[in-house]
Amino acid sequence: MPINETKIRSLLKAASFRVIEIALDSAILSLFVEIPVAVGLAIGLETICFSVHYIFERVWNRISYGRNIKEEK
């Protein structure tokens, strides 16, 4: 009985994580550049990371290595 995440679950996981990352990146970058520039850089970087993370999740969803799924009797 294989268990796979839906595409929307992978999308929501990646998006929610990236929102946190944008906030953290903006805070850190604002120490070195003006806040609007920091926010722009953070959004740009996290958009790229979001795409990579989503693809990463979808690939790993197809790999069963390390999953222990027990069927109910």
N, C-alpha and C. Protein backbone atom coordinates (compact mmCIF):
# COMPACT_ATOMS: atom_id res chain seq x y z
N MET A 1 0.85 -1.17 0.00
CA MET A 1 0.00 0.00 0.00
C MET A 1 0.90 1.24 0.00
N PRO A 2 1.29 1.73 -1.16
CA PRO A 2 2.15 2.92 -1.21
C PRO A 2 1.41 4.18 -0.79
N ILE A 3 2.12 5.02 -0.08
CA ILE A 3 1.57 6.30 0.36
C ILE A 3 2.34 7.39 -0.36
N ASN A 4 1.63 8.21 -1.10
CA ASN A 4 2.25 9.31 -1.82
C ASN A 4 1.58 10.61 -1.43
N GLU A 5 2.35 11.66 -1.34
CA GLU A 5 1.79 12.97 -1.08
C GLU A 5 1.17 13.51 -2.36
N THR A 6 0.11 14.28 -2.18
CA THR A 6 -0.49 14.92 -3.35
C THR A 6 0.39 16.10 -3.77
N LYS A 7 0.20 16.53 -5.01
CA LYS A 7 0.97 17.67 -5.51
C LYS A 7 0.66 18.92 -4.71
N ILE A 8 -0.61 19.10 -4.31
CA ILE A 8 -0.98 20.29 -3.55
C ILE A 8 -0.31 20.29 -2.17
N ARG A 9 -0.15 19.11 -1.56
CA ARG A 9 0.53 19.04 -0.26
C ARG A 9 2.00 19.45 -0.41
N SER A 10 2.66 18.94 -1.45
CA SER A 10 4.05 19.33 -1.71
C SER A 10 4.15 20.83 -1.96
N LEU A 11 3.21 21.37 -2.70
CA LEU A 11 3.18 22.79 -3.01
C LEU A 11 2.99 23.62 -1.75
N LEU A 12 2.06 23.23 -0.89
CA LEU A 12 1.81 23.97 0.35
C LEU A 12 3.00 23.87 1.31
N LYS A 13 3.63 22.71 1.39
CA LYS A 13 4.81 22.56 2.26
C LYS A 13 5.93 23.48 1.79
N ALA A 14 6.18 23.48 0.49
CA ALA A 14 7.25 24.31 -0.06
C ALA A 14 6.93 25.79 0.13
N ALA A 15 5.68 26.18 -0.12
CA ALA A 15 5.30 27.59 -0.01
C ALA A 15 5.38 28.08 1.43
N SER A 16 4.87 27.30 2.37
CA SER A 16 4.88 27.75 3.77
C SER A 16 6.30 27.88 4.29
N PHE A 17 7.17 26.98 3.89
CA PHE A 17 8.56 27.07 4.31
C PHE A 17 9.22 28.31 3.72
N ARG A 18 8.91 28.61 2.48
CA ARG A 18 9.52 29.76 1.81
C ARG A 18 9.06 31.08 2.40
N VAL A 19 7.85 31.16 2.89
CA VAL A 19 7.38 32.40 3.54
C VAL A 19 8.26 32.68 4.76
N ILE A 20 8.54 31.65 5.53
CA ILE A 20 9.42 31.80 6.70
C ILE A 20 10.81 32.22 6.24
N GLU A 21 11.31 31.60 5.20
CA GLU A 21 12.64 31.92 4.68
C GLU A 21 12.73 33.36 4.17
N ILE A 22 11.68 33.84 3.52
CA ILE A 22 11.68 35.23 3.02
C ILE A 22 11.80 36.20 4.18
N ALA A 23 11.07 35.94 5.26
CA ALA A 23 11.14 36.81 6.43
C ALA A 23 12.54 36.80 7.04
N LEU A 24 13.11 35.62 7.19
CA LEU A 24 14.45 35.52 7.77
C LEU A 24 15.51 36.14 6.86
N ASP A 25 15.43 35.84 5.57
CA ASP A 25 16.39 36.41 4.62
C ASP A 25 16.30 37.93 4.60
N SER A 26 15.09 38.45 4.61
CA SER A 26 14.90 39.91 4.59
C SER A 26 15.52 40.55 5.82
N ALA A 27 15.31 39.93 6.97
CA ALA A 27 15.86 40.47 8.21
C ALA A 27 17.38 40.48 8.17
N ILE A 28 17.97 39.40 7.71
CA ILE A 28 19.43 39.31 7.66
C ILE A 28 20.00 40.26 6.61
N LEU A 29 19.40 40.27 5.42
CA LEU A 29 19.90 41.13 4.35
C LEU A 29 19.74 42.61 4.69
N SER A 30 18.73 42.96 5.48
CA SER A 30 18.51 44.37 5.83
C SER A 30 19.63 44.93 6.70
N LEU A 31 20.44 44.06 7.26
CA LEU A 31 21.61 44.51 8.01
C LEU A 31 22.68 45.09 7.09
N PHE A 32 22.62 44.70 5.81
CA PHE A 32 23.66 45.08 4.86
C PHE A 32 23.19 46.02 3.75
N VAL A 33 21.90 45.98 3.42
CA VAL A 33 21.35 46.83 2.36
C VAL A 33 20.03 47.42 2.84
N GLU A 34 19.49 48.36 2.09
CA GLU A 34 18.23 48.97 2.46
C GLU A 34 17.11 47.92 2.44
N ILE A 35 16.09 48.14 3.25
CA ILE A 35 15.02 47.16 3.42
C ILE A 35 14.32 46.80 2.11
N PRO A 36 13.94 47.76 1.24
CA PRO A 36 13.30 47.34 -0.01
C PRO A 36 14.19 46.45 -0.88
N VAL A 37 15.47 46.74 -0.90
CA VAL A 37 16.42 45.91 -1.66
C VAL A 37 16.51 44.53 -1.02
N ALA A 38 16.57 44.48 0.29
CA ALA A 38 16.65 43.21 1.01
C ALA A 38 15.42 42.35 0.72
N VAL A 39 14.25 42.95 0.75
CA VAL A 39 13.02 42.21 0.49
C VAL A 39 13.01 41.71 -0.96
N GLY A 40 13.39 42.54 -1.89
CA GLY A 40 13.45 42.13 -3.29
C GLY A 40 14.40 40.98 -3.53
N LEU A 41 15.58 41.06 -2.94
CA LEU A 41 16.55 39.98 -3.06
C LEU A 41 16.02 38.68 -2.44
N ALA A 42 15.42 38.82 -1.27
CA ALA A 42 14.88 37.64 -0.58
C ALA A 42 13.78 36.98 -1.41
N ILE A 43 12.89 37.78 -1.97
CA ILE A 43 11.81 37.21 -2.78
C ILE A 43 12.37 36.53 -4.02
N GLY A 44 13.32 37.16 -4.67
CA GLY A 44 13.93 36.56 -5.86
C GLY A 44 14.61 35.23 -5.55
N LEU A 45 15.42 35.24 -4.51
CA LEU A 45 16.13 34.01 -4.13
C LEU A 45 15.16 32.91 -3.71
N GLU A 46 14.17 33.27 -2.94
CA GLU A 46 13.23 32.26 -2.45
C GLU A 46 12.31 31.74 -3.54
N THR A 47 12.07 32.53 -4.57
CA THR A 47 11.28 32.03 -5.70
C THR A 47 12.04 30.90 -6.40
N ILE A 48 13.32 31.09 -6.56
CA ILE A 48 14.15 30.04 -7.16
C ILE A 48 14.18 28.82 -6.23
N CYS A 49 14.41 29.06 -4.96
CA CYS A 49 14.47 27.96 -3.99
C CYS A 49 13.14 27.22 -3.90
N PHE A 50 12.03 27.95 -3.99
CA PHE A 50 10.70 27.34 -3.95
C PHE A 50 10.56 26.33 -5.09
N SER A 51 10.95 26.73 -6.27
CA SER A 51 10.83 25.85 -7.43
C SER A 51 11.67 24.59 -7.25
N VAL A 52 12.89 24.77 -6.79
CA VAL A 52 13.78 23.63 -6.57
C VAL A 52 13.22 22.73 -5.47
N HIS A 53 12.72 23.32 -4.40
CA HIS A 53 12.18 22.54 -3.29
C HIS A 53 10.96 21.72 -3.74
N TYR A 54 10.09 22.32 -4.52
CA TYR A 54 8.90 21.61 -5.00
C TYR A 54 9.31 20.40 -5.85
N ILE A 55 10.23 20.61 -6.77
CA ILE A 55 10.70 19.51 -7.61
C ILE A 55 11.37 18.43 -6.76
N PHE A 56 12.16 18.85 -5.78
CA PHE A 56 12.84 17.94 -4.86
C PHE A 56 11.82 17.06 -4.12
N GLU A 57 10.76 17.69 -3.61
CA GLU A 57 9.72 16.96 -2.89
C GLU A 57 9.03 15.94 -3.81
N ARG A 58 8.74 16.35 -5.04
CA ARG A 58 8.05 15.45 -5.97
C ARG A 58 8.93 14.27 -6.35
N VAL A 59 10.21 14.49 -6.52
CA VAL A 59 11.13 13.39 -6.84
C VAL A 59 11.20 12.42 -5.67
N TRP A 60 11.39 12.94 -4.46
CA TRP A 60 11.49 12.08 -3.29
C TRP A 60 10.18 11.35 -2.99
N ASN A 61 9.08 11.91 -3.42
CA ASN A 61 7.80 11.24 -3.24
C ASN A 61 7.75 9.93 -4.03
N ARG A 62 8.51 9.83 -5.09
CA ARG A 62 8.54 8.63 -5.92
C ARG A 62 9.54 7.59 -5.43
N ILE A 63 10.36 7.95 -4.45
CA ILE A 63 11.38 7.04 -3.93
C ILE A 63 10.87 6.39 -2.66
N SER A 64 10.86 5.08 -2.63
CA SER A 64 10.32 4.38 -1.46
C SER A 64 11.39 4.07 -0.41
N TYR A 65 12.65 4.34 -0.73
CA TYR A 65 13.74 4.04 0.20
C TYR A 65 13.49 4.70 1.57
N GLY A 66 13.57 3.92 2.63
CA GLY A 66 13.44 4.45 3.98
C GLY A 66 12.01 4.54 4.48
N ARG A 67 11.05 4.13 3.68
CA ARG A 67 9.65 4.14 4.13
C ARG A 67 9.29 2.76 4.64
N ASN A 68 8.67 2.71 5.78
CA ASN A 68 8.17 1.47 6.34
C ASN A 68 6.65 1.59 6.40
N ILE A 69 5.99 0.97 5.46
CA ILE A 69 4.53 1.05 5.40
C ILE A 69 3.98 -0.33 5.68
N LYS A 70 3.20 -0.40 6.73
CA LYS A 70 2.61 -1.69 7.12
C LYS A 70 1.14 -1.71 6.72
N GLU A 71 0.75 -2.78 6.09
CA GLU A 71 -0.65 -2.93 5.72
C GLU A 71 -1.43 -3.42 6.92
N GLU A 72 -2.64 -2.88 7.08
CA GLU A 72 -3.50 -3.31 8.17
C GLU A 72 -4.15 -4.63 7.80
N LYS A 73 -4.30 -5.49 8.80
CA LYS A 73 -4.92 -6.81 8.55
C LYS A 73 -6.35 -6.81 9.00
